[in-house]
N, C-alpha and C. Protein backbone atom coordinates (compact mmCIF):
# COMPACT_ATOMS: atom_id res chain seq x y z
N MET A 1 145.24 177.37 115.23
CA MET A 1 145.19 178.59 114.48
C MET A 1 143.74 178.97 114.21
N GLN A 2 142.93 177.99 113.89
CA GLN A 2 141.53 178.28 113.59
C GLN A 2 140.82 178.87 114.81
N GLU A 3 141.13 178.36 115.99
CA GLU A 3 140.53 178.90 117.22
C GLU A 3 140.97 180.34 117.45
N ILE A 4 142.22 180.62 117.18
CA ILE A 4 142.73 181.99 117.34
C ILE A 4 142.02 182.92 116.38
N PHE A 5 141.91 182.52 115.12
CA PHE A 5 141.24 183.37 114.13
C PHE A 5 139.76 183.54 114.45
N ALA A 6 139.14 182.53 115.06
CA ALA A 6 137.74 182.66 115.45
C ALA A 6 137.58 183.73 116.53
N ARG A 7 138.54 183.79 117.45
CA ARG A 7 138.49 184.79 118.54
C ARG A 7 138.87 186.18 118.08
N THR A 8 139.79 186.28 117.13
CA THR A 8 140.34 187.59 116.75
C THR A 8 139.87 188.02 115.36
N HIS A 9 138.86 187.38 114.84
CA HIS A 9 138.32 187.60 113.49
C HIS A 9 138.31 189.09 113.11
N GLY A 10 139.02 189.40 112.05
CA GLY A 10 138.99 190.75 111.50
C GLY A 10 139.89 191.76 112.18
N THR A 11 140.61 191.36 113.20
CA THR A 11 141.49 192.29 113.90
C THR A 11 142.94 191.85 113.68
N ILE A 12 143.61 192.54 112.77
CA ILE A 12 144.96 192.13 112.37
C ILE A 12 145.92 192.11 113.56
N ASP A 13 146.01 193.21 114.29
CA ASP A 13 146.99 193.30 115.39
C ASP A 13 146.73 192.23 116.46
N ALA A 14 145.47 192.03 116.82
CA ALA A 14 145.14 191.02 117.82
C ALA A 14 145.45 189.63 117.30
N SER A 15 145.20 189.39 116.02
CA SER A 15 145.48 188.08 115.42
C SER A 15 146.98 187.80 115.42
N VAL A 16 147.78 188.77 115.02
CA VAL A 16 149.24 188.59 115.00
C VAL A 16 149.75 188.35 116.42
N ALA A 17 149.29 189.15 117.37
CA ALA A 17 149.76 189.01 118.76
C ALA A 17 149.41 187.65 119.34
N GLU A 18 148.17 187.22 119.18
CA GLU A 18 147.75 185.95 119.76
C GLU A 18 148.40 184.77 119.05
N LEU A 19 148.51 184.84 117.73
CA LEU A 19 149.15 183.75 117.00
C LEU A 19 150.63 183.66 117.35
N THR A 20 151.30 184.80 117.45
CA THR A 20 152.71 184.81 117.86
C THR A 20 152.87 184.19 119.24
N LYS A 21 152.00 184.58 120.16
CA LYS A 21 152.05 184.05 121.52
C LYS A 21 151.91 182.53 121.53
N GLN A 22 150.93 182.01 120.80
CA GLN A 22 150.68 180.57 120.80
C GLN A 22 151.78 179.80 120.06
N LEU A 23 152.26 180.33 118.94
CA LEU A 23 153.37 179.67 118.23
C LEU A 23 154.62 179.65 119.10
N THR A 24 154.84 180.72 119.86
CA THR A 24 156.01 180.81 120.73
C THR A 24 155.97 179.74 121.81
N VAL A 25 154.80 179.53 122.41
CA VAL A 25 154.67 178.51 123.45
C VAL A 25 155.16 177.16 122.92
N HIS A 26 154.67 176.77 121.76
CA HIS A 26 155.02 175.46 121.21
C HIS A 26 156.46 175.42 120.69
N ALA A 27 156.92 176.49 120.09
CA ALA A 27 158.29 176.53 119.58
C ALA A 27 159.31 176.50 120.71
N LYS A 28 159.00 177.14 121.83
CA LYS A 28 159.91 177.13 122.97
C LYS A 28 160.04 175.72 123.55
N VAL A 29 158.95 174.98 123.59
CA VAL A 29 159.01 173.59 124.05
C VAL A 29 159.92 172.78 123.12
N ALA A 30 159.72 172.94 121.82
CA ALA A 30 160.56 172.22 120.85
C ALA A 30 162.02 172.64 120.97
N GLU A 31 162.26 173.93 121.17
CA GLU A 31 163.63 174.42 121.31
C GLU A 31 164.29 173.84 122.55
N THR A 32 163.58 173.80 123.65
CA THR A 32 164.11 173.25 124.90
C THR A 32 164.49 171.78 124.71
N ILE A 33 163.60 171.03 124.09
CA ILE A 33 163.89 169.61 123.83
C ILE A 33 165.10 169.47 122.92
N GLY A 34 165.16 170.28 121.87
CA GLY A 34 166.29 170.24 120.95
C GLY A 34 167.62 170.53 121.64
N LEU A 35 167.61 171.51 122.50
CA LEU A 35 168.83 171.86 123.24
C LEU A 35 169.23 170.75 124.21
N GLN A 36 168.25 170.12 124.85
CA GLN A 36 168.54 169.01 125.77
C GLN A 36 169.12 167.82 125.01
N VAL A 37 168.53 167.50 123.87
CA VAL A 37 169.04 166.39 123.06
C VAL A 37 170.46 166.70 122.59
N ALA A 38 170.68 167.92 122.16
CA ALA A 38 172.02 168.31 121.70
C ALA A 38 173.05 168.17 122.82
N ALA A 39 172.67 168.60 124.02
CA ALA A 39 173.59 168.51 125.15
C ALA A 39 173.88 167.05 125.53
N ALA A 40 172.87 166.20 125.42
CA ALA A 40 173.04 164.80 125.82
C ALA A 40 173.76 163.96 124.76
N THR A 41 173.70 164.38 123.51
CA THR A 41 174.23 163.55 122.43
C THR A 41 175.41 164.16 121.69
N ARG A 42 175.66 165.43 121.95
CA ARG A 42 176.69 166.19 121.21
C ARG A 42 176.29 166.43 119.76
N TRP A 43 175.02 166.25 119.44
CA TRP A 43 174.51 166.61 118.11
C TRP A 43 174.40 168.11 118.05
N SER A 44 174.45 168.66 116.86
CA SER A 44 174.26 170.10 116.69
C SER A 44 172.77 170.41 116.64
N PHE A 45 172.37 171.39 117.42
CA PHE A 45 170.99 171.85 117.37
C PHE A 45 170.94 173.02 116.39
N MET A 46 170.25 172.82 115.27
CA MET A 46 170.21 173.83 114.21
C MET A 46 169.08 174.83 114.39
N GLY A 47 168.09 174.50 115.20
CA GLY A 47 167.00 175.43 115.43
C GLY A 47 165.65 174.79 115.18
N VAL A 48 164.63 175.64 115.30
CA VAL A 48 163.24 175.22 115.19
C VAL A 48 162.60 175.89 113.99
N ASP A 49 161.77 175.16 113.29
CA ASP A 49 160.95 175.74 112.24
C ASP A 49 159.59 176.02 112.86
N PRO A 50 159.28 177.29 113.18
CA PRO A 50 158.04 177.60 113.89
C PRO A 50 156.79 177.70 113.01
N THR A 51 156.92 177.37 111.73
CA THR A 51 155.76 177.48 110.85
C THR A 51 154.72 176.44 111.22
N PRO A 52 153.44 176.83 111.20
CA PRO A 52 152.40 175.85 111.50
C PRO A 52 152.27 174.84 110.37
N ALA A 53 152.18 173.59 110.75
CA ALA A 53 152.05 172.53 109.75
C ALA A 53 150.70 171.83 109.93
N PRO A 54 150.10 171.40 108.83
CA PRO A 54 148.82 170.70 108.96
C PRO A 54 148.99 169.36 109.65
N VAL A 55 148.03 169.02 110.48
CA VAL A 55 148.04 167.75 111.20
C VAL A 55 146.64 167.15 111.12
N ALA A 56 146.56 165.94 110.64
CA ALA A 56 145.28 165.22 110.54
C ALA A 56 144.19 166.11 109.96
N ASN A 57 143.23 166.49 110.77
CA ASN A 57 142.09 167.29 110.29
C ASN A 57 142.27 168.78 110.50
N VAL A 58 143.48 169.22 110.81
CA VAL A 58 143.76 170.63 111.03
C VAL A 58 144.24 171.24 109.71
N SER A 59 143.60 172.33 109.30
CA SER A 59 143.90 172.92 108.00
C SER A 59 144.16 174.42 108.12
N ILE A 60 145.27 174.87 107.56
CA ILE A 60 145.54 176.30 107.53
C ILE A 60 144.50 176.99 106.65
N GLY A 61 144.10 176.34 105.57
CA GLY A 61 143.07 176.90 104.70
C GLY A 61 141.77 177.14 105.45
N ALA A 62 141.37 176.17 106.27
CA ALA A 62 140.15 176.33 107.06
C ALA A 62 140.31 177.46 108.07
N ALA A 63 141.49 177.60 108.65
CA ALA A 63 141.74 178.69 109.59
C ALA A 63 141.62 180.04 108.88
N ILE A 64 142.17 180.12 107.68
CA ILE A 64 142.07 181.36 106.91
C ILE A 64 140.62 181.67 106.58
N GLU A 65 139.85 180.65 106.23
CA GLU A 65 138.43 180.86 105.96
C GLU A 65 137.69 181.33 107.22
N THR A 66 138.11 180.87 108.38
CA THR A 66 137.52 181.33 109.64
C THR A 66 137.81 182.81 109.83
N TYR A 67 139.05 183.23 109.51
CA TYR A 67 139.42 184.64 109.65
C TYR A 67 138.62 185.51 108.68
N THR A 68 138.55 185.09 107.43
CA THR A 68 137.92 185.93 106.41
C THR A 68 136.40 185.82 106.40
N GLY A 69 135.89 184.69 106.88
CA GLY A 69 134.45 184.46 106.80
C GLY A 69 134.01 184.09 105.39
N SER A 70 134.97 183.79 104.53
CA SER A 70 134.67 183.46 103.12
C SER A 70 135.53 182.28 102.68
N LYS A 71 135.28 181.82 101.48
CA LYS A 71 136.07 180.73 100.90
C LYS A 71 137.52 181.16 100.71
N PHE A 72 138.42 180.18 100.83
CA PHE A 72 139.84 180.43 100.60
C PHE A 72 140.01 181.03 99.20
N GLY A 73 140.79 182.09 99.10
CA GLY A 73 141.04 182.75 97.82
C GLY A 73 140.22 184.02 97.65
N SER A 74 139.24 184.21 98.50
CA SER A 74 138.42 185.43 98.39
C SER A 74 139.10 186.56 99.16
N SER A 75 138.46 187.70 99.15
CA SER A 75 139.01 188.89 99.81
C SER A 75 139.36 188.58 101.27
N GLY A 76 140.56 188.94 101.66
CA GLY A 76 141.03 188.73 103.03
C GLY A 76 142.01 187.58 103.16
N THR A 77 142.08 186.73 102.13
CA THR A 77 142.98 185.57 102.20
C THR A 77 144.44 186.02 102.34
N MET A 78 144.83 187.00 101.56
CA MET A 78 146.22 187.47 101.64
C MET A 78 146.51 188.16 102.97
N THR A 79 145.51 188.82 103.53
CA THR A 79 145.69 189.44 104.85
C THR A 79 145.92 188.36 105.90
N ALA A 80 145.14 187.30 105.85
CA ALA A 80 145.32 186.19 106.79
C ALA A 80 146.70 185.55 106.61
N ALA A 81 147.14 185.39 105.37
CA ALA A 81 148.47 184.84 105.10
C ALA A 81 149.56 185.76 105.66
N LEU A 82 149.35 187.07 105.55
CA LEU A 82 150.30 188.03 106.12
C LEU A 82 150.34 187.91 107.64
N ILE A 83 149.20 187.74 108.26
CA ILE A 83 149.15 187.57 109.71
C ILE A 83 149.96 186.35 110.12
N ILE A 84 149.78 185.25 109.41
CA ILE A 84 150.50 184.02 109.74
C ILE A 84 152.00 184.22 109.57
N SER A 85 152.43 184.78 108.45
CA SER A 85 153.87 184.94 108.21
C SER A 85 154.48 185.96 109.18
N THR A 86 153.75 187.01 109.52
CA THR A 86 154.25 188.00 110.49
C THR A 86 154.43 187.36 111.86
N ALA A 87 153.45 186.56 112.27
CA ALA A 87 153.54 185.88 113.55
C ALA A 87 154.70 184.89 113.59
N VAL A 88 154.87 184.12 112.52
CA VAL A 88 155.97 183.15 112.47
C VAL A 88 157.32 183.84 112.60
N LYS A 89 157.49 184.96 111.91
CA LYS A 89 158.76 185.69 111.96
C LYS A 89 159.02 186.29 113.34
N ALA A 90 157.97 186.51 114.12
CA ALA A 90 158.12 187.13 115.43
C ALA A 90 158.39 186.12 116.55
N VAL A 91 158.34 184.83 116.25
CA VAL A 91 158.57 183.81 117.26
C VAL A 91 160.04 183.84 117.66
N PRO A 92 160.32 184.08 118.96
CA PRO A 92 161.71 184.27 119.41
C PRO A 92 162.43 182.96 119.74
N VAL A 93 162.69 182.16 118.73
CA VAL A 93 163.47 180.94 118.91
C VAL A 93 164.58 180.91 117.88
N LYS A 94 165.58 180.09 118.16
CA LYS A 94 166.64 179.90 117.17
C LYS A 94 166.04 179.18 115.98
N SER A 95 166.16 179.79 114.81
CA SER A 95 165.63 179.17 113.59
C SER A 95 166.73 178.44 112.86
N ASP A 96 166.36 177.39 112.19
CA ASP A 96 167.30 176.61 111.40
C ASP A 96 167.84 177.50 110.29
N SER A 97 169.12 177.77 110.31
CA SER A 97 169.74 178.68 109.34
C SER A 97 169.70 178.14 107.92
N ARG A 98 169.39 176.85 107.77
CA ARG A 98 169.30 176.27 106.43
C ARG A 98 167.97 176.58 105.77
N LEU A 99 167.00 177.09 106.53
CA LEU A 99 165.71 177.46 105.97
C LEU A 99 165.84 178.80 105.25
N PRO A 100 165.15 178.98 104.14
CA PRO A 100 165.21 180.26 103.45
C PRO A 100 164.70 181.38 104.36
N GLN A 101 165.39 182.50 104.34
CA GLN A 101 164.99 183.65 105.12
C GLN A 101 164.02 184.49 104.29
N HIS A 102 163.38 185.45 104.91
CA HIS A 102 162.41 186.31 104.23
C HIS A 102 163.01 186.88 102.95
N GLY A 103 162.33 186.71 101.86
CA GLY A 103 162.77 187.27 100.58
C GLY A 103 163.68 186.35 99.78
N GLU A 104 164.14 185.25 100.38
CA GLU A 104 165.01 184.34 99.65
C GLU A 104 164.19 183.28 98.96
N ALA A 105 164.71 182.79 97.87
CA ALA A 105 164.02 181.73 97.12
C ALA A 105 164.32 180.39 97.75
N HIS A 106 163.37 179.47 97.67
CA HIS A 106 163.60 178.09 98.11
C HIS A 106 164.44 177.40 97.05
N SER A 107 165.35 176.53 97.48
CA SER A 107 166.15 175.80 96.49
C SER A 107 165.81 174.35 96.48
């Protein structure tokens, strides 16, 4: 995500498009594996959670700072968060129906 924001810095539409594209690549791989496992085991495949998760030294906060050019929480942080959530919602994979949908509260 940080590399995408470095390339598309300050351009909302380009950031959403590129982030959606990259999230889709990885989510489709996960979806394919999930469907294969379901077919081989008769387990139910509930879907993929395409939200980016932090891994080791990878930080969503750092990616947002790359987009805004400022510290997390400063002007532009909410725009970067909107870009991320818009891209996640646009990923064309089966989503786990147990996950809260847009506007729903987490339980």
